[in-house]
Each structure stands twice: as structure tokens, then as C-alpha cells.
Amino acid sequence: MHLPAAAVALKQGVGRLIRSECDVGAVAICDRRLLTRGYGEELLSGLPPMQRVQSRE
């Protein structure tokens, strides 16, 4: 999957999870490349504002 297609798919998936202010949900992205590769921040910056947690604790 190319980066633009991955960005669209990720944003659409998150958008389907939260559709109104009453909705709650969690997004788990278990791919370390989002933290270790240059394109990771680009993908994450396209998501709506949300709390981010980087550890399992």
C-alpha cells in the first residue's frame, strides 16, 4: 500500500469509529514503524485530535 492510500484508509477507519460527540472508542495501531519511520508522524497528523498513549501500562 502506498503512503497516500494508507493515510486515507487510516483516517477513514478512525472516522467510522467516532461519528458523533457521544461516541467513544479506541484505536490501537501496533505497528512500530509509525514511531520509527519518517512517514509515521505524517500519518498520525492526519488523524483527528485524540489522546495518544505509547505504552501498555
N, C-alpha and C. Protein backbone atom coordinates (compact mmCIF):
# COMPACT_ATOMS: atom_id res chain seq x y z
N MET A 1 0.85 -1.17 0.00
CA MET A 1 0.00 0.00 0.00
C MET A 1 0.90 1.23 0.00
N HIS A 2 0.59 2.18 -0.83
CA HIS A 2 1.36 3.42 -0.88
C HIS A 2 0.94 4.34 0.25
N LEU A 3 1.82 5.27 0.61
CA LEU A 3 1.57 6.16 1.74
C LEU A 3 0.26 6.94 1.61
N PRO A 4 -0.05 7.57 0.48
CA PRO A 4 -1.33 8.29 0.40
C PRO A 4 -2.54 7.37 0.62
N ALA A 5 -2.49 6.18 0.08
CA ALA A 5 -3.59 5.23 0.27
C ALA A 5 -3.68 4.79 1.73
N ALA A 6 -2.54 4.58 2.36
CA ALA A 6 -2.54 4.19 3.78
C ALA A 6 -3.09 5.31 4.64
N ALA A 7 -2.75 6.55 4.33
CA ALA A 7 -3.24 7.70 5.10
C ALA A 7 -4.76 7.81 4.98
N VAL A 8 -5.28 7.63 3.80
CA VAL A 8 -6.73 7.70 3.58
C VAL A 8 -7.43 6.56 4.33
N ALA A 9 -6.89 5.35 4.23
CA ALA A 9 -7.51 4.20 4.89
C ALA A 9 -7.52 4.37 6.40
N LEU A 10 -6.42 4.87 6.97
CA LEU A 10 -6.34 5.08 8.41
C LEU A 10 -7.34 6.14 8.86
N LYS A 11 -7.38 7.25 8.15
CA LYS A 11 -8.29 8.34 8.50
C LYS A 11 -9.75 7.90 8.38
N GLN A 12 -10.08 7.14 7.34
CA GLN A 12 -11.45 6.65 7.17
C GLN A 12 -11.83 5.69 8.29
N GLY A 13 -10.91 4.82 8.65
CA GLY A 13 -11.19 3.86 9.73
C GLY A 13 -11.48 4.55 11.04
N VAL A 14 -10.67 5.55 11.38
CA VAL A 14 -10.89 6.30 12.62
C VAL A 14 -12.20 7.08 12.52
N GLY A 15 -12.48 7.65 11.38
CA GLY A 15 -13.71 8.41 11.19
C GLY A 15 -14.96 7.55 11.35
N ARG A 16 -14.88 6.31 10.97
CA ARG A 16 -16.02 5.41 11.13
C ARG A 16 -16.22 5.00 12.58
N LEU A 17 -15.17 5.07 13.37
CA LEU A 17 -15.27 4.72 14.79
C LEU A 17 -16.00 5.80 15.57
N ILE A 18 -15.66 7.05 15.34
CA ILE A 18 -16.24 8.17 16.07
C ILE A 18 -17.02 9.04 15.09
N ARG A 19 -18.34 8.98 15.18
CA ARG A 19 -19.18 9.75 14.26
C ARG A 19 -19.89 10.91 14.94
N SER A 20 -20.06 10.85 16.25
CA SER A 20 -20.72 11.95 16.96
C SER A 20 -20.00 12.19 18.29
N GLU A 21 -20.35 13.28 18.95
CA GLU A 21 -19.71 13.63 20.22
C GLU A 21 -20.03 12.61 21.32
N CYS A 22 -21.09 11.85 21.15
CA CYS A 22 -21.48 10.85 22.15
C CYS A 22 -20.72 9.53 21.99
N ASP A 23 -20.11 9.31 20.85
CA ASP A 23 -19.41 8.06 20.58
C ASP A 23 -18.09 8.00 21.34
N VAL A 24 -17.72 6.80 21.75
CA VAL A 24 -16.41 6.56 22.35
C VAL A 24 -15.80 5.36 21.65
N GLY A 25 -14.49 5.30 21.64
CA GLY A 25 -13.82 4.19 21.00
C GLY A 25 -12.33 4.25 21.24
N ALA A 26 -11.65 3.23 20.81
CA ALA A 26 -10.20 3.16 20.94
C ALA A 26 -9.62 2.70 19.62
N VAL A 27 -8.51 3.28 19.27
CA VAL A 27 -7.78 2.89 18.07
C VAL A 27 -6.44 2.35 18.53
N ALA A 28 -6.13 1.13 18.17
CA ALA A 28 -4.83 0.53 18.52
C ALA A 28 -4.06 0.30 17.23
N ILE A 29 -2.93 0.96 17.12
CA ILE A 29 -2.06 0.78 15.96
C ILE A 29 -0.79 0.14 16.48
N CYS A 30 -0.59 -1.10 16.18
CA CYS A 30 0.51 -1.88 16.75
C CYS A 30 1.67 -2.03 15.77
N ASP A 31 1.92 -1.01 15.02
CA ASP A 31 3.00 -1.04 14.03
C ASP A 31 4.04 0.00 14.44
N ARG A 32 5.19 -0.47 14.89
CA ARG A 32 6.24 0.42 15.39
C ARG A 32 6.77 1.37 14.32
N ARG A 33 6.51 1.07 13.07
CA ARG A 33 7.00 1.96 12.01
C ARG A 33 6.41 3.36 12.11
N LEU A 34 5.24 3.49 12.74
CA LEU A 34 4.66 4.82 12.92
C LEU A 34 5.52 5.67 13.86
N LEU A 35 6.32 5.03 14.68
CA LEU A 35 7.20 5.76 15.60
C LEU A 35 8.64 5.80 15.11
N THR A 36 9.01 4.88 14.24
CA THR A 36 10.42 4.78 13.85
C THR A 36 10.72 5.24 12.43
N ARG A 37 9.71 5.42 11.62
CA ARG A 37 9.93 5.84 10.23
C ARG A 37 9.47 7.27 10.04
N GLY A 38 10.04 7.94 9.08
CA GLY A 38 9.72 9.34 8.83
C GLY A 38 8.27 9.59 8.47
N TYR A 39 7.64 8.63 7.84
CA TYR A 39 6.26 8.83 7.40
C TYR A 39 5.25 8.64 8.53
N GLY A 40 5.68 8.12 9.66
CA GLY A 40 4.76 7.85 10.77
C GLY A 40 4.05 9.09 11.27
N GLU A 41 4.80 10.16 11.50
CA GLU A 41 4.18 11.40 12.00
C GLU A 41 3.23 11.99 10.97
N GLU A 42 3.56 11.82 9.70
CA GLU A 42 2.66 12.31 8.64
C GLU A 42 1.32 11.59 8.70
N LEU A 43 1.36 10.28 8.90
CA LEU A 43 0.11 9.52 9.00
C LEU A 43 -0.67 9.91 10.25
N LEU A 44 0.01 10.04 11.38
CA LEU A 44 -0.66 10.36 12.64
C LEU A 44 -1.21 11.78 12.64
N SER A 45 -0.54 12.70 11.97
CA SER A 45 -1.00 14.09 11.97
C SER A 45 -2.31 14.26 11.20
N GLY A 46 -2.65 13.31 10.35
CA GLY A 46 -3.90 13.38 9.60
C GLY A 46 -5.11 12.91 10.38
N LEU A 47 -4.89 12.41 11.60
CA LEU A 47 -5.99 11.92 12.42
C LEU A 47 -6.61 13.05 13.23
N PRO A 48 -7.87 12.90 13.62
CA PRO A 48 -8.48 13.93 14.46
C PRO A 48 -7.80 13.97 15.83
N PRO A 49 -7.98 15.07 16.57
CA PRO A 49 -7.36 15.17 17.89
C PRO A 49 -7.85 14.05 18.81
N MET A 50 -6.91 13.42 19.48
CA MET A 50 -7.25 12.35 20.43
C MET A 50 -6.07 12.13 21.37
N GLN A 51 -6.34 11.51 22.49
CA GLN A 51 -5.28 11.19 23.43
C GLN A 51 -4.42 10.08 22.84
N ARG A 52 -3.11 10.22 22.95
CA ARG A 52 -2.20 9.19 22.45
C ARG A 52 -1.46 8.56 23.62
N VAL A 53 -1.37 7.26 23.58
CA VAL A 53 -0.64 6.50 24.59
C VAL A 53 0.36 5.63 23.85
N GLN A 54 1.61 5.63 24.31
CA GLN A 54 2.62 4.84 23.62
C GLN A 54 3.12 3.65 24.41
N SER A 55 2.55 3.40 25.58
CA SER A 55 2.95 2.21 26.34
C SER A 55 1.70 1.44 26.72
N ARG A 56 1.91 0.23 27.16
CA ARG A 56 0.78 -0.62 27.54
C ARG A 56 0.44 -0.50 29.02
N GLU A 57 1.13 0.33 29.74
CA GLU A 57 0.90 0.46 31.19
C GLU A 57 -0.25 1.38 31.48
